[in-house]
Amino acid sequence: MRQQILIFAGIIGFIAGMIFMLQGLGVIRYPPSSFMVDNHVWITRGGILAFLSAILVAGVRLVPATRKKGED
């Protein structure tokens, strides 16, 4: 259960990071009055968020789940 929650959080973080990057690049211009549009600071922040989220998902996938005694 914990692995599924961490993977879900990592995927959401990756998607958010990519959206931040695309807004910073000016590819996504929604909402038009957003302070993030064409602001290059958000390219870096979005990239960092996407990278860390990808590491989270990869780390969760690589570490085996531990089971309590008596569980199948």
C-alpha atoms as a PDB file:
ATOM      1  CA  MET A   1       0.000   0.000   0.000  1.00  0.00           C
ATOM      2  CA  ARG A   2       2.800   2.414   0.905  1.00  0.00           C
ATOM      3  CA  GLN A   3       4.573   1.685  -2.371  1.00  0.00           C
ATOM      4  CA  GLN A   4       1.454   2.494  -4.360  1.00  0.00           C
ATOM      5  CA  ILE A   5       1.023   5.817  -2.558  1.00  0.00           C
ATOM      6  CA  LEU A   6       4.659   6.786  -3.148  1.00  0.00           C
ATOM      7  CA  ILE A   7       4.462   5.829  -6.831  1.00  0.00           C
ATOM      8  CA  PHE A   8       1.254   7.844  -7.220  1.00  0.00           C
ATOM      9  CA  ALA A   9       2.865  10.862  -5.527  1.00  0.00           C
ATOM     10  CA  GLY A  10       5.923  10.515  -7.765  1.00  0.00           C
ATOM     11  CA  ILE A  11       3.818  10.411 -10.923  1.00  0.00           C
ATOM     12  CA  ILE A  12       1.803  13.462  -9.849  1.00  0.00           C
ATOM     13  CA  GLY A  13       5.039  15.298  -9.013  1.00  0.00           C
ATOM     14  CA  PHE A  14       6.550  14.401 -12.386  1.00  0.00           C
ATOM     15  CA  ILE A  15       3.477  15.646 -14.261  1.00  0.00           C
ATOM     16  CA  ALA A  16       3.425  18.873 -12.233  1.00  0.00           C
ATOM     17  CA  GLY A  17       7.140  19.414 -12.890  1.00  0.00           C
ATOM     18  CA  MET A  18       6.649  18.985 -16.619  1.00  0.00           C
ATOM     19  CA  ILE A  19       3.738  21.437 -16.590  1.00  0.00           C
ATOM     20  CA  PHE A  20       5.870  23.969 -14.686  1.00  0.00           C
ATOM     21  CA  MET A  21       8.655  23.563 -17.242  1.00  0.00           C
ATOM     22  CA  LEU A  22       6.304  23.979 -20.197  1.00  0.00           C
ATOM     23  CA  GLN A  23       4.739  27.081 -18.647  1.00  0.00           C
ATOM     24  CA  GLY A  24       8.183  28.531 -18.020  1.00  0.00           C
ATOM     25  CA  LEU A  25       9.066  27.908 -21.658  1.00  0.00           C
ATOM     26  CA  GLY A  26       5.817  29.538 -22.777  1.00  0.00           C
ATOM     27  CA  VAL A  27       4.488  26.383 -24.451  1.00  0.00           C
ATOM     28  CA  ILE A  28       1.496  26.193 -22.107  1.00  0.00           C
ATOM     29  CA  ARG A  29      -0.067  29.619 -21.698  1.00  0.00           C
ATOM     30  CA  TYR A  30      -2.890  28.772 -19.324  1.00  0.00           C
ATOM     31  CA  PRO A  31      -4.074  30.811 -17.548  1.00  0.00           C
ATOM     32  CA  PRO A  32      -2.901  33.677 -19.768  1.00  0.00           C
ATOM     33  CA  SER A  33      -2.260  35.976 -16.810  1.00  0.00           C
ATOM     34  CA  SER A  34      -0.167  33.413 -14.897  1.00  0.00           C
ATOM     35  CA  PHE A  35       3.089  34.643 -13.366  1.00  0.00           C
ATOM     36  CA  MET A  36       4.721  31.370 -14.482  1.00  0.00           C
ATOM     37  CA  VAL A  37       4.299  31.934 -18.237  1.00  0.00           C
ATOM     38  CA  ASP A  38       7.625  32.815 -19.920  1.00  0.00           C
ATOM     39  CA  ASN A  39       9.391  32.941 -16.551  1.00  0.00           C
ATOM     40  CA  HIS A  40      12.617  30.955 -16.837  1.00  0.00           C
ATOM     41  CA  VAL A  41      12.818  30.345 -13.101  1.00  0.00           C
ATOM     42  CA  TRP A  42      10.010  27.809 -13.513  1.00  0.00           C
ATOM     43  CA  ILE A  43      11.982  25.843 -16.089  1.00  0.00           C
ATOM     44  CA  THR A  44      14.576  25.071 -13.416  1.00  0.00           C
ATOM     45  CA  ARG A  45      12.081  24.456 -10.629  1.00  0.00           C
ATOM     46  CA  GLY A  46       9.934  22.218 -12.806  1.00  0.00           C
ATOM     47  CA  GLY A  47      12.971  20.263 -13.949  1.00  0.00           C
ATOM     48  CA  ILE A  48      14.110  19.703 -10.387  1.00  0.00           C
ATOM     49  CA  LEU A  49      10.620  18.574  -9.330  1.00  0.00           C
ATOM     50  CA  ALA A  50      10.305  16.203 -12.295  1.00  0.00           C
ATOM     51  CA  PHE A  51      13.789  14.773 -11.680  1.00  0.00           C
ATOM     52  CA  LEU A  52      13.220  14.178  -7.959  1.00  0.00           C
ATOM     53  CA  SER A  53       9.815  12.645  -8.642  1.00  0.00           C
ATOM     54  CA  ALA A  54      11.342  10.262 -11.187  1.00  0.00           C
ATOM     55  CA  ILE A  55      13.968   9.267  -8.606  1.00  0.00           C
ATOM     56  CA  LEU A  56      11.186   8.632  -6.070  1.00  0.00           C
ATOM     57  CA  VAL A  57       9.308   6.343  -8.457  1.00  0.00           C
ATOM     58  CA  ALA A  58      12.479   4.503  -9.492  1.00  0.00           C
ATOM     59  CA  GLY A  59      13.584   4.103  -5.883  1.00  0.00           C
ATOM     60  CA  VAL A  60      10.253   2.699  -4.802  1.00  0.00           C
ATOM     61  CA  ARG A  61      10.267   0.266  -7.724  1.00  0.00           C
ATOM     62  CA  LEU A  62      13.806  -0.942  -6.940  1.00  0.00           C
ATOM     63  CA  VAL A  63      13.374  -1.507  -3.197  1.00  0.00           C
ATOM     64  CA  PRO A  64      11.454  -4.711  -2.502  1.00  0.00           C
ATOM     65  CA  ALA A  65       8.404  -4.505  -0.287  1.00  0.00           C
ATOM     66  CA  THR A  66       8.809  -6.033   3.142  1.00  0.00           C
ATOM     67  CA  ARG A  67       6.116  -8.320   4.444  1.00  0.00           C
ATOM     68  CA  LYS A  68       5.132  -8.945   8.025  1.00  0.00           C
ATOM     69  CA  LYS A  69       5.258 -12.459   9.372  1.00  0.00           C
ATOM     70  CA  GLY A  70       2.144 -14.418   8.567  1.00  0.00           C
ATOM     71  CA  GLU A  71       1.125 -12.364   5.520  1.00  0.00           C
ATOM     72  CA  ASP A  72       0.835 -13.963   2.097  1.00  0.00           C
END
